[in-house]
Each structure stands twice: as C-alpha cells, then as structure tokens.
Amino acid sequence: MGAKKKPTKPQDSNEELRRWEERFESLIDLSSEWYWEQDEECRFTLVTGSAAGHGGIDTKKFLGTYRWDRGAVPVGDGGSWDKHKAALKARQPFTDFLFKRPDSKGGMRYISTSGQPIVDDKGRFRGYRGIAKDITDARRAQELQNLEHSVAHSVAEAVSVTAATTAAIRAICETEGWECGRYFRPDSEAGVLRLDESWGIQDPAIQEFLERSREIVYRPDVGLMGRVWQSGQPLWVADLTRDSRAQRAASGADAGIRGGFVFPVRSEGKVIGVLGFNSRQVRETDEGLLKAILVIGSQIGQFLERKRAEEEQRRFRTAMDASADLMLLIDPTSLRYVDVNDAACRALGYSREELLTMGPPDIFSTSREELTRRLAASRRGVSPRGAIRGRARHCFHRAGRQRAPRLRGDAAPVPGRHGQLR
C-alpha cells in the first residue's frame, strides 16, 4: 500500500485567517464590485473594493451613513425609499436594487446592489452584508441607444418635414433633460443660417428665447451655430455666459440660458442644418452623448431629406394631375415612361400602369434616335430649355385613332425623375 500523508493542522489559526482575508481583499480589488457591511440600524460599517468599482468615490465617506443618505434616490418606486426600507425592516434579502447618487462633478452615478441579512449563531439579526457595482457607463450606453430609437421612431411617425423636425427636437429634449432645442437651416442665397423649427418647455422665459431666435442669423464660423456649420463637428459649452464663442445676442443670457450643445445634421456627408439645445443649468460635457450624436445627426438628416423629397414629389404629382396638357416623364437612357398624368391617360386611352411599361416610340411617330438626340442636346445645354419641340407626324391612341400632337420636351430636373417629355 502506498504511504498516505497525514494532514497537518494549521500552526496558527489567526495566521490562516489573515491569509483568507488577504485573498478576499485581493479578489475584491480585482473585481468591478465592492463589498459592504451594515450594522443593526443598516448603517455602513465597512465598504471595500477597487476605486474603479464605485466611480472613484471615497468609500470612507459612507461609513456611519445609511444607503439613502447623501442625496441617493431609488430608480423606480417613484423615487421613494419606503419599499426598500420596509424590506430591510422585514430582514429580507434583496437583489440588484438600483439607485443613483450625485458624484463630486455634479453628475449622477447609478449603483446596483444586492444584500443578505447577517444572523449570529443565536439567530439574532446583526445587520446586512452584500456587494454593489457602479453601472453608470452601461446604463448610459443603454440610454443613448434608447435615444437613437426614440428619435428614429418620432421622425418616422411624423407626417411632414416640419412635424419630423419638431418631433426630433422634442425627443432629444425630453430624453436628455434639455429645456429647448432649435434647428437652423442654411439660406443659400444669403449665405447664413436661419431658424427653421424649434421646441421648448412651456415656460415664458424659454418661449421668449425661442421667439427672439427667429430674428437671429449665423454666418459661417460665427457663434456656436456658425462654427458647427463650418466645421461639421459638435460643440458642448457648459456655461454660455463664460464662453466667448457664443454670440451675446444669441446666448439667451436674459432668459437665464447657461448650458449649450450644438451638433450638425448631415445627409450624404453634407451638413444640411444645425441643431442646438439649451438649458438654464450648467451642463458638464457628456462624452457619451458627443460620440452618439454624430450618428443621431446623420439619422435625423437622412429622415428629413427623405421626407422633404416625398413632399416635393407629392406637390409635383398634384401639379401634374391638375394640368390639362399631356405630361409624360421619361428616362432619357431607357426611353421608358417613369410617370404620366391623368390628361395623358385620357388622351391616349391607356391606364397609368400600361403607359409605365411603354415609351415614346410606342406612342409617337418620332423615331427613338431622334428623341435620344434631342434629349441629349437639351441636357448638354446645346439647346435651350424646352428646345425639344416640333410636331410628330402622329401618335397612336389605344383605340387605333391617330392624332398629330404638338411635341415638346424639357431636360428639366423634377423630383426623383430624370427627364420630361410633355
């Protein structure tokens, strides 16, 4: 039989206990969580762990205090501690209880904590012990993702460009706690930015600030709006009253405006406008929002341009159908109809769906080569606008009748179309 090593007892139980305590401390330091203990009154007697685990807050300041001290507020339960206090009074364990507390920089830290009651060998309650974790970064990332979804949903549900712009501004204000937002669009003729749409809380000072903004214009690289328009990069100003880049007339000092955040709205890589948000509180820079807003700005820009194009097409369609002239839009490459008006359908005897499968050579006696030549000349500017003129020998009605129409074509840009033959 092989020899068995007889187990040895620790020479010093205190030394063994010390080693276990060192191992525990080392494990806690490596973890993003921290360990805490409370006495019978639920006051902290021990808080230990890495500084990274609790947002750099000095844990010694918690000793002797309650969880609900120092401005802490539950997330949920209507911001009331009553439900949590009742659970503690009943000596119940709790898991992932979420609350927030102010940090030294004026922001809020979100803490998730779990705990179990401590009972001695005689069954007497001695307090609580548990773990906690700062989840601020993870929560903020989720909030910004929710903001993107909220903006996208608000804009997509809007029935017009005006409604879409206002919806986007309001979604950002309400989600991020800004009191008002303004959207400035370029006036290409004047070379300045002018107020297009705005939204703000129902407060007299804020509403007056928005109304006065209608009189303000920004030139490139002048004021916060002009700088963002020129650079295409977002700007965050914690306190407008202390920043020389803000125009005095536009800073809103009379309305008590302090915090400001401005970012570009892009479509296909081009800045098509500038959005600015303000509040009457000093707002420290939010790096997470600065990064996310570039995506949100492009998202808004794409939605606005799409809705603007849709509105232009609706207006063009209304104008086409109101015309008594035959209007047939053609693709100059394929020479196929891409749109026709009601007058053309009535005059030629075809439905719109049927005409969209055809082209001028199927209807007019003018040859395909001649039409191609005339369209190409007009698009190059060789012929003046509307120079595709003349009279075809005849056109063919579905019923077999022939007529001699006046033929005129323009290579004019129309919403979503390539050419026009009328």
Protein backbone atom coordinates (compact mmCIF):
# COMPACT_ATOMS: atom_id res chain seq x y z
CA MET A 1 0.00 0.00 0.00
CA GLY A 2 1.22 3.49 -0.76
CA ALA A 3 2.03 5.80 2.06
CA LYS A 4 -0.52 8.41 2.99
CA LYS A 5 0.49 11.89 4.07
CA LYS A 6 -1.09 12.69 7.36
CA PRO A 7 -2.93 16.04 7.19
CA THR A 8 -1.45 18.75 9.30
CA LYS A 9 -3.36 21.31 11.28
CA PRO A 10 -2.54 24.98 10.96
CA GLN A 11 0.07 26.05 13.44
CA ASP A 12 -1.66 29.35 13.93
CA SER A 13 -5.38 29.79 13.22
CA ASN A 14 -5.01 33.57 13.27
CA GLU A 15 -2.39 33.36 10.52
CA GLU A 16 -4.69 31.22 8.42
CA LEU A 17 -7.50 33.71 8.95
CA ARG A 18 -5.22 36.55 7.91
CA ARG A 19 -4.35 34.72 4.69
CA TRP A 20 -8.01 34.24 3.84
CA GLU A 21 -8.66 37.92 4.47
CA GLU A 22 -5.80 38.84 2.12
CA ARG A 23 -7.21 36.56 -0.55
CA PHE A 24 -10.64 38.12 -0.14
CA GLU A 25 -9.24 41.66 -0.35
CA SER A 26 -7.24 40.74 -3.45
CA LEU A 27 -10.31 39.24 -5.12
CA ILE A 28 -12.42 42.32 -4.34
CA ASP A 29 -9.70 44.64 -5.71
CA LEU A 30 -9.64 42.69 -8.96
CA SER A 31 -13.41 42.82 -9.27
CA SER A 32 -15.51 45.73 -10.51
CA GLU A 33 -17.77 45.19 -7.50
CA TRP A 34 -17.24 46.20 -3.92
CA TYR A 35 -18.18 44.54 -0.62
CA TRP A 36 -20.10 46.24 2.17
CA GLU A 37 -21.43 45.53 5.65
CA GLN A 38 -24.05 47.30 7.77
CA ASP A 39 -24.95 47.20 11.46
CA GLU A 40 -28.34 46.51 13.01
CA GLU A 41 -29.51 50.03 12.10
CA CYS A 42 -28.44 49.50 8.47
CA ARG A 43 -25.55 51.98 8.72
CA PHE A 44 -22.40 51.17 6.77
CA THR A 45 -19.57 49.80 8.88
CA LEU A 46 -17.39 48.53 6.03
CA VAL A 47 -17.06 49.38 2.35
CA THR A 48 -14.14 47.92 0.46
CA GLY A 49 -13.18 47.36 -3.15
CA SER A 50 -11.39 48.95 -6.10
CA ALA A 51 -11.89 52.66 -6.77
CA ALA A 52 -12.95 51.79 -10.32
CA GLY A 53 -15.85 49.79 -8.93
CA HIS A 54 -17.59 52.79 -7.39
CA GLY A 55 -16.79 55.60 -9.79
CA GLY A 56 -13.81 56.91 -7.83
CA ILE A 57 -15.98 57.87 -4.83
CA ASP A 58 -14.18 57.83 -1.47
CA THR A 59 -15.87 54.92 0.32
CA LYS A 60 -14.75 56.17 3.75
CA LYS A 61 -17.40 58.88 3.44
CA PHE A 62 -20.10 56.18 3.55
CA LEU A 63 -19.09 54.83 6.95
CA GLY A 64 -21.74 55.56 9.57
CA THR A 65 -24.32 56.64 6.94
CA TYR A 66 -27.43 55.00 5.52
CA ARG A 67 -27.85 53.98 1.90
CA TRP A 68 -30.43 56.75 1.45
CA ASP A 69 -28.12 59.49 2.72
CA ARG A 70 -26.03 61.89 0.61
CA GLY A 71 -28.75 62.60 -1.97
CA ALA A 72 -29.31 59.00 -3.06
CA VAL A 73 -32.60 58.28 -4.88
CA PRO A 74 -34.07 54.90 -5.94
CA VAL A 75 -34.52 54.30 -9.66
CA GLY A 76 -38.11 53.18 -9.70
CA ASP A 77 -40.70 53.05 -6.89
CA GLY A 78 -41.47 56.68 -7.69
CA GLY A 79 -38.11 57.73 -6.26
CA SER A 80 -39.25 56.71 -2.76
CA TRP A 81 -37.19 54.68 -0.26
CA ASP A 82 -40.28 53.37 1.56
CA LYS A 83 -40.42 49.99 -0.20
CA HIS A 84 -36.70 49.31 0.30
CA LYS A 85 -36.83 50.35 3.95
CA ALA A 86 -39.79 48.03 4.51
CA ALA A 87 -37.77 45.11 3.03
CA LEU A 88 -34.87 45.90 5.37
CA LYS A 89 -37.17 46.15 8.37
CA ALA A 90 -38.57 42.70 7.47
CA ARG A 91 -34.95 41.38 7.26
CA GLN A 92 -35.48 40.30 3.66
CA PRO A 93 -32.63 39.72 1.19
CA PHE A 94 -32.61 41.91 -1.94
CA THR A 95 -31.05 41.55 -5.38
CA ASP A 96 -29.97 44.19 -7.94
CA PHE A 97 -31.61 47.08 -6.13
CA LEU A 98 -30.92 50.14 -8.30
CA PHE A 99 -30.41 53.68 -7.03
CA LYS A 100 -28.49 56.78 -8.03
CA ARG A 101 -26.45 59.33 -6.11
CA PRO A 102 -24.65 62.58 -7.01
CA ASP A 103 -20.92 62.45 -7.64
CA SER A 104 -18.31 65.14 -6.98
CA LYS A 105 -18.60 66.50 -10.55
CA GLY A 106 -22.32 67.24 -10.40
CA GLY A 107 -23.32 64.14 -12.32
CA MET A 108 -25.22 61.06 -11.17
CA ARG A 109 -23.80 57.61 -10.53
CA TYR A 110 -26.05 54.57 -10.88
CA ILE A 111 -25.46 51.79 -8.33
CA SER A 112 -26.79 48.23 -8.36
CA THR A 113 -26.58 46.42 -5.02
CA SER A 114 -27.56 43.07 -3.50
CA GLY A 115 -27.58 42.11 0.17
CA GLN A 116 -28.41 39.43 2.74
CA PRO A 117 -29.18 39.75 6.45
CA ILE A 118 -26.47 38.73 8.93
CA VAL A 119 -27.63 36.40 11.71
CA ASP A 120 -25.36 35.21 14.54
CA ASP A 121 -25.22 31.67 15.92
CA LYS A 122 -28.07 32.50 18.29
CA GLY A 123 -30.33 33.68 15.48
CA ARG A 124 -30.04 37.37 16.29
CA PHE A 125 -30.05 39.93 13.50
CA ARG A 126 -26.69 41.70 13.25
CA GLY A 127 -27.10 43.76 10.08
CA TYR A 128 -26.57 43.23 6.38
CA ARG A 129 -23.70 42.31 4.10
CA GLY A 130 -23.56 42.40 0.33
CA ILE A 131 -21.99 43.61 -2.88
CA ALA A 132 -22.55 46.65 -5.08
CA LYS A 133 -21.48 47.80 -8.52
CA ASP A 134 -21.37 51.10 -10.37
CA ILE A 135 -23.32 50.54 -13.62
CA THR A 136 -23.34 54.18 -14.78
CA ASP A 137 -21.46 53.55 -18.03
CA ALA A 138 -23.58 50.56 -19.01
CA ARG A 139 -26.79 52.39 -18.18
CA ARG A 140 -25.69 55.48 -20.09
CA ALA A 141 -24.89 53.36 -23.16
CA GLN A 142 -28.40 51.88 -22.98
CA GLU A 143 -29.94 55.36 -22.58
CA LEU A 144 -28.13 56.61 -25.69
CA GLN A 145 -29.27 53.58 -27.66
CA ASN A 146 -32.82 54.25 -26.49
CA LEU A 147 -32.39 57.89 -27.58
CA GLU A 148 -31.45 56.79 -31.11
CA HIS A 149 -34.55 54.58 -31.26
CA SER A 150 -36.76 57.32 -29.82
CA VAL A 151 -35.57 59.88 -32.39
CA ALA A 152 -35.94 57.41 -35.26
CA HIS A 153 -39.46 56.46 -34.17
CA SER A 154 -40.56 60.08 -33.63
CA VAL A 155 -39.33 61.19 -37.05
CA ALA A 156 -40.67 58.15 -38.88
CA GLU A 157 -44.15 58.69 -37.42
CA ALA A 158 -44.26 62.37 -38.43
CA VAL A 159 -46.49 63.35 -41.37
CA SER A 160 -44.39 66.28 -42.62
CA VAL A 161 -40.87 67.74 -42.55
CA THR A 162 -42.00 70.35 -40.02
CA ALA A 163 -43.54 67.71 -37.76
CA ALA A 164 -40.48 65.46 -38.14
CA THR A 165 -38.07 68.23 -37.15
CA THR A 166 -40.14 69.24 -34.14
CA ALA A 167 -40.53 65.59 -33.08
CA ALA A 168 -36.76 65.01 -33.21
CA ILE A 169 -36.05 68.15 -31.15
CA ARG A 170 -38.66 67.24 -28.56
CA ALA A 171 -37.43 63.63 -28.26
CA ILE A 172 -33.88 64.78 -27.52
CA CYS A 173 -35.05 67.48 -25.07
CA GLU A 174 -37.27 65.15 -23.09
CA THR A 175 -34.83 62.24 -23.06
CA GLU A 176 -31.73 64.25 -22.19
CA GLY A 177 -33.28 66.93 -19.99
CA TRP A 178 -32.75 69.98 -22.23
CA GLU A 179 -35.31 72.79 -21.90
CA CYS A 180 -35.39 73.77 -25.56
CA GLY A 181 -33.96 72.98 -28.97
CA ARG A 182 -33.60 74.91 -32.24
CA TYR A 183 -32.94 73.81 -35.81
CA PHE A 184 -31.22 76.24 -38.18
CA ARG A 185 -31.09 75.68 -41.95
CA PRO A 186 -28.81 77.34 -44.49
CA ASP A 187 -30.22 80.19 -46.57
CA SER A 188 -28.16 79.52 -49.71
CA GLU A 189 -28.88 82.90 -51.27
CA ALA A 190 -27.91 84.95 -48.21
CA GLY A 191 -25.15 82.58 -47.09
CA VAL A 192 -26.43 82.40 -43.48
CA LEU A 193 -28.24 80.08 -41.11
CA ARG A 194 -31.84 80.91 -40.22
CA LEU A 195 -34.18 79.36 -37.67
CA ASP A 196 -36.34 76.65 -39.22
CA GLU A 197 -38.08 74.88 -36.32
CA SER A 198 -37.90 74.83 -32.53
CA TRP A 199 -39.44 73.26 -29.44
CA GLY A 200 -39.27 74.18 -25.76
CA ILE A 201 -40.96 73.61 -22.43
CA GLN A 202 -43.96 75.79 -21.64
CA ASP A 203 -42.08 78.43 -19.69
CA PRO A 204 -42.40 82.16 -20.53
CA ALA A 205 -38.63 82.79 -20.49
CA ILE A 206 -37.90 79.79 -22.72
CA GLN A 207 -40.69 80.63 -25.17
CA GLU A 208 -39.45 84.23 -25.42
CA PHE A 209 -35.92 82.96 -26.08
CA LEU A 210 -37.22 80.80 -28.93
CA GLU A 211 -39.27 83.65 -30.39
CA ARG A 212 -36.25 86.01 -30.36
CA SER A 213 -34.22 83.34 -32.16
CA ARG A 214 -36.30 83.93 -35.29
CA GLU A 215 -34.56 87.29 -35.70
CA ILE A 216 -31.05 85.84 -35.44
CA VAL A 217 -28.87 84.68 -38.34
CA TYR A 218 -25.48 82.99 -38.20
CA ARG A 219 -22.70 83.37 -40.71
CA PRO A 220 -20.13 80.62 -41.23
CA ASP A 221 -17.75 80.26 -38.26
CA VAL A 222 -19.60 82.93 -36.25
CA GLY A 223 -21.22 81.92 -32.95
CA LEU A 224 -21.65 78.32 -31.89
CA MET A 225 -24.11 77.57 -34.69
CA GLY A 226 -21.85 79.10 -37.33
CA ARG A 227 -18.80 77.24 -36.04
CA VAL A 228 -20.56 73.88 -36.17
CA TRP A 229 -21.95 74.68 -39.63
CA GLN A 230 -18.42 75.44 -40.83
CA SER A 231 -16.53 72.62 -39.06
CA GLY A 232 -19.15 69.87 -39.13
CA GLN A 233 -18.18 68.95 -35.56
CA PRO A 234 -20.34 69.11 -32.40
CA LEU A 235 -19.68 71.67 -29.65
CA TRP A 236 -20.54 71.49 -25.96
CA VAL A 237 -20.47 74.56 -23.73
CA ALA A 238 -21.04 74.00 -20.02
CA ASP A 239 -21.80 77.69 -19.36
CA LEU A 240 -22.59 80.04 -22.25
CA THR A 241 -22.17 83.10 -20.03
CA ARG A 242 -18.48 82.26 -19.67
CA ASP A 243 -17.71 81.27 -23.27
CA SER A 244 -16.56 83.93 -25.75
CA ARG A 245 -17.59 81.81 -28.73
CA ALA A 246 -21.28 82.38 -28.01
CA GLN A 247 -22.84 85.46 -29.61
CA ARG A 248 -24.15 87.82 -26.96
CA ALA A 249 -27.40 88.42 -28.84
CA ALA A 250 -27.99 84.70 -29.20
CA SER A 251 -26.68 83.42 -25.87
CA GLY A 252 -30.01 83.87 -24.10
CA ALA A 253 -28.46 85.43 -21.02
CA ASP A 254 -31.63 87.42 -20.40
CA ALA A 255 -33.58 84.15 -20.29
CA GLY A 256 -31.05 82.60 -17.91
CA ILE A 257 -29.70 80.20 -20.54
CA ARG A 258 -26.47 78.52 -19.38
CA GLY A 259 -25.79 75.09 -20.86
CA GLY A 260 -25.48 74.62 -24.63
CA PHE A 261 -24.96 71.73 -27.01
CA VAL A 262 -24.78 72.13 -30.81
CA PHE A 263 -24.27 69.49 -33.50
CA PRO A 264 -24.50 69.16 -37.29
CA VAL A 265 -27.33 67.46 -39.16
CA ARG A 266 -25.95 65.59 -42.16
CA SER A 267 -27.29 63.92 -45.27
CA GLU A 268 -24.99 62.07 -47.67
CA GLY A 269 -21.98 63.56 -45.89
CA LYS A 270 -23.14 67.17 -46.29
CA VAL A 271 -24.20 69.45 -43.42
CA ILE A 272 -27.81 70.39 -44.19
CA GLY A 273 -28.53 72.13 -40.89
CA VAL A 274 -27.50 72.63 -37.27
CA LEU A 275 -29.34 71.60 -34.11
CA GLY A 276 -28.76 73.40 -30.82
CA PHE A 277 -30.06 72.56 -27.33
CA ASN A 278 -30.08 74.72 -24.22
CA SER A 279 -30.98 74.71 -20.54
CA ARG A 280 -30.82 77.14 -17.65
CA GLN A 281 -28.46 74.83 -15.77
CA VAL A 282 -24.73 74.49 -16.23
CA ARG A 283 -24.25 71.20 -18.10
CA GLU A 284 -20.91 69.46 -17.92
CA THR A 285 -19.70 67.76 -21.10
CA ASP A 286 -21.23 64.34 -21.73
CA GLU A 287 -18.64 62.45 -23.78
CA GLY A 288 -21.03 59.58 -24.44
CA LEU A 289 -23.62 61.89 -25.96
CA LEU A 290 -20.96 63.68 -28.02
CA LYS A 291 -20.00 60.38 -29.63
CA ALA A 292 -23.55 59.16 -30.14
CA ILE A 293 -24.86 62.45 -31.53
CA LEU A 294 -22.91 62.15 -34.78
CA VAL A 295 -24.92 59.03 -35.59
CA ILE A 296 -28.15 60.67 -34.43
CA GLY A 297 -27.41 63.80 -36.51
CA SER A 298 -26.97 61.71 -39.66
CA GLN A 299 -30.08 59.74 -38.79
CA ILE A 300 -32.14 62.92 -38.49
CA GLY A 301 -30.64 64.34 -41.70
CA GLN A 302 -31.49 61.27 -43.74
CA PHE A 303 -35.07 61.22 -42.44
CA LEU A 304 -35.58 64.93 -43.10
CA GLU A 305 -34.21 64.78 -46.64
CA ARG A 306 -36.31 61.74 -47.41
CA LYS A 307 -39.48 63.37 -46.11
CA ARG A 308 -38.66 66.60 -47.95
CA ALA A 309 -38.25 64.62 -51.19
CA GLU A 310 -41.56 62.85 -50.53
CA GLU A 311 -43.31 66.19 -50.04
CA GLU A 312 -41.81 67.57 -53.25
CA GLN A 313 -42.99 64.52 -55.16
CA ARG A 314 -46.49 64.89 -53.75
CA ARG A 315 -46.61 68.55 -54.78
CA PHE A 316 -45.26 67.70 -58.23
CA ARG A 317 -47.80 64.91 -58.65
CA THR A 318 -50.63 67.27 -57.71
CA ALA A 319 -49.40 69.86 -60.23
CA MET A 320 -49.06 67.23 -62.96
CA ASP A 321 -52.55 65.89 -62.50
CA ALA A 322 -54.00 69.40 -62.42
CA SER A 323 -52.54 70.18 -65.86
CA ALA A 324 -54.70 69.85 -68.97
CA ASP A 325 -51.57 69.17 -71.05
CA LEU A 326 -50.33 65.67 -71.75
CA MET A 327 -47.32 65.18 -69.42
CA LEU A 328 -45.17 62.11 -69.77
CA LEU A 329 -41.86 61.83 -67.89
CA ILE A 330 -39.25 59.62 -69.47
CA ASP A 331 -35.94 58.13 -68.50
CA PRO A 332 -33.52 59.53 -71.11
CA THR A 333 -31.43 56.36 -71.02
CA SER A 334 -34.07 53.67 -71.43
CA LEU A 335 -36.65 55.97 -73.08
CA ARG A 336 -39.30 54.42 -70.88
CA TYR A 337 -42.04 56.40 -69.14
CA VAL A 338 -41.46 56.82 -65.41
CA ASP A 339 -44.59 58.88 -64.75
CA VAL A 340 -47.60 60.24 -66.64
CA ASN A 341 -50.50 62.49 -65.72
CA ASP A 342 -54.23 61.90 -65.92
CA ALA A 343 -54.57 64.04 -69.05
CA ALA A 344 -52.14 61.77 -70.91
CA CYS A 345 -54.03 58.67 -69.84
CA ARG A 346 -57.35 60.12 -71.01
CA ALA A 347 -55.96 61.41 -74.33
CA LEU A 348 -54.13 58.19 -75.22
CA GLY A 349 -56.64 55.71 -73.82
CA TYR A 350 -54.16 53.82 -71.65
CA SER A 351 -54.07 53.32 -67.91
CA ARG A 352 -51.12 54.72 -65.98
CA GLU A 353 -49.85 51.21 -65.30
CA GLU A 354 -49.91 50.39 -69.02
CA LEU A 355 -48.09 53.58 -70.03
CA LEU A 356 -45.32 52.88 -67.49
CA THR A 357 -44.44 49.75 -69.45
CA MET A 358 -44.09 51.80 -72.66
CA GLY A 359 -42.02 54.64 -74.08
CA PRO A 360 -42.30 57.45 -76.68
CA PRO A 361 -41.50 55.12 -79.61
CA ASP A 362 -44.61 53.10 -78.68
CA ILE A 363 -46.85 56.18 -78.80
CA PHE A 364 -45.32 58.85 -81.05
CA SER A 365 -44.18 58.53 -84.65
CA THR A 366 -40.91 60.35 -83.85
CA SER A 367 -38.07 57.81 -84.00
CA ARG A 368 -36.14 56.64 -80.98
CA GLU A 369 -32.90 58.03 -82.46
CA GLU A 370 -34.42 61.47 -82.95
CA LEU A 371 -35.79 61.58 -79.40
CA THR A 372 -32.45 60.47 -77.96
CA ARG A 373 -30.60 63.14 -79.95
CA ARG A 374 -32.95 65.92 -78.84
CA LEU A 375 -32.85 64.91 -75.18
CA ALA A 376 -29.07 64.66 -75.17
CA ALA A 377 -28.71 68.11 -76.76
CA SER A 378 -31.03 69.66 -74.22
CA ARG A 379 -29.24 68.03 -71.25
CA ARG A 380 -25.86 69.25 -72.52
CA GLY A 381 -27.21 72.77 -72.77
CA VAL A 382 -26.65 72.85 -76.55
CA SER A 383 -30.32 73.64 -76.98
CA PRO A 384 -32.22 75.99 -74.71
CA ARG A 385 -34.59 74.63 -72.10
CA GLY A 386 -37.71 73.39 -73.84
CA ALA A 387 -35.95 73.02 -77.20
CA ILE A 388 -37.25 69.52 -77.86
CA ARG A 389 -40.09 70.90 -79.88
CA GLY A 390 -41.85 70.15 -83.10
CA ARG A 391 -44.83 68.19 -84.27
CA ALA A 392 -44.80 64.43 -84.60
CA ARG A 393 -46.48 63.05 -87.70
CA HIS A 394 -48.96 61.30 -85.43
CA CYS A 395 -49.38 59.44 -82.17
CA PHE A 396 -51.23 56.23 -81.59
CA HIS A 397 -54.36 56.03 -79.44
CA ARG A 398 -55.14 52.69 -77.89
CA ALA A 399 -58.39 52.58 -79.85
CA GLY A 400 -56.45 52.92 -83.11
CA ARG A 401 -57.17 56.59 -83.73
CA GLN A 402 -54.31 58.85 -84.79
CA ARG A 403 -53.71 62.48 -83.93
CA ALA A 404 -50.98 64.99 -84.71
CA PRO A 405 -49.79 66.27 -81.32
CA ARG A 406 -47.51 69.18 -80.54
CA LEU A 407 -44.35 67.64 -79.10
CA ARG A 408 -42.21 69.44 -76.54
CA GLY A 409 -39.66 68.03 -74.14
CA ASP A 410 -37.56 69.54 -71.35
CA ALA A 411 -34.48 68.01 -69.73
CA ALA A 412 -35.51 69.72 -66.53
CA PRO A 413 -34.86 68.18 -63.10
CA VAL A 414 -38.03 67.02 -61.39
CA PRO A 415 -38.33 65.25 -58.01
CA GLY A 416 -36.87 61.78 -58.33
CA ARG A 417 -37.02 61.86 -62.12
CA HIS A 418 -34.51 62.09 -64.97
CA GLY A 419 -36.24 63.90 -67.79
CA GLN A 420 -39.57 65.18 -69.02
CA LEU A 421 -41.42 64.87 -72.27
CA ARG A 422 -44.63 66.82 -72.47
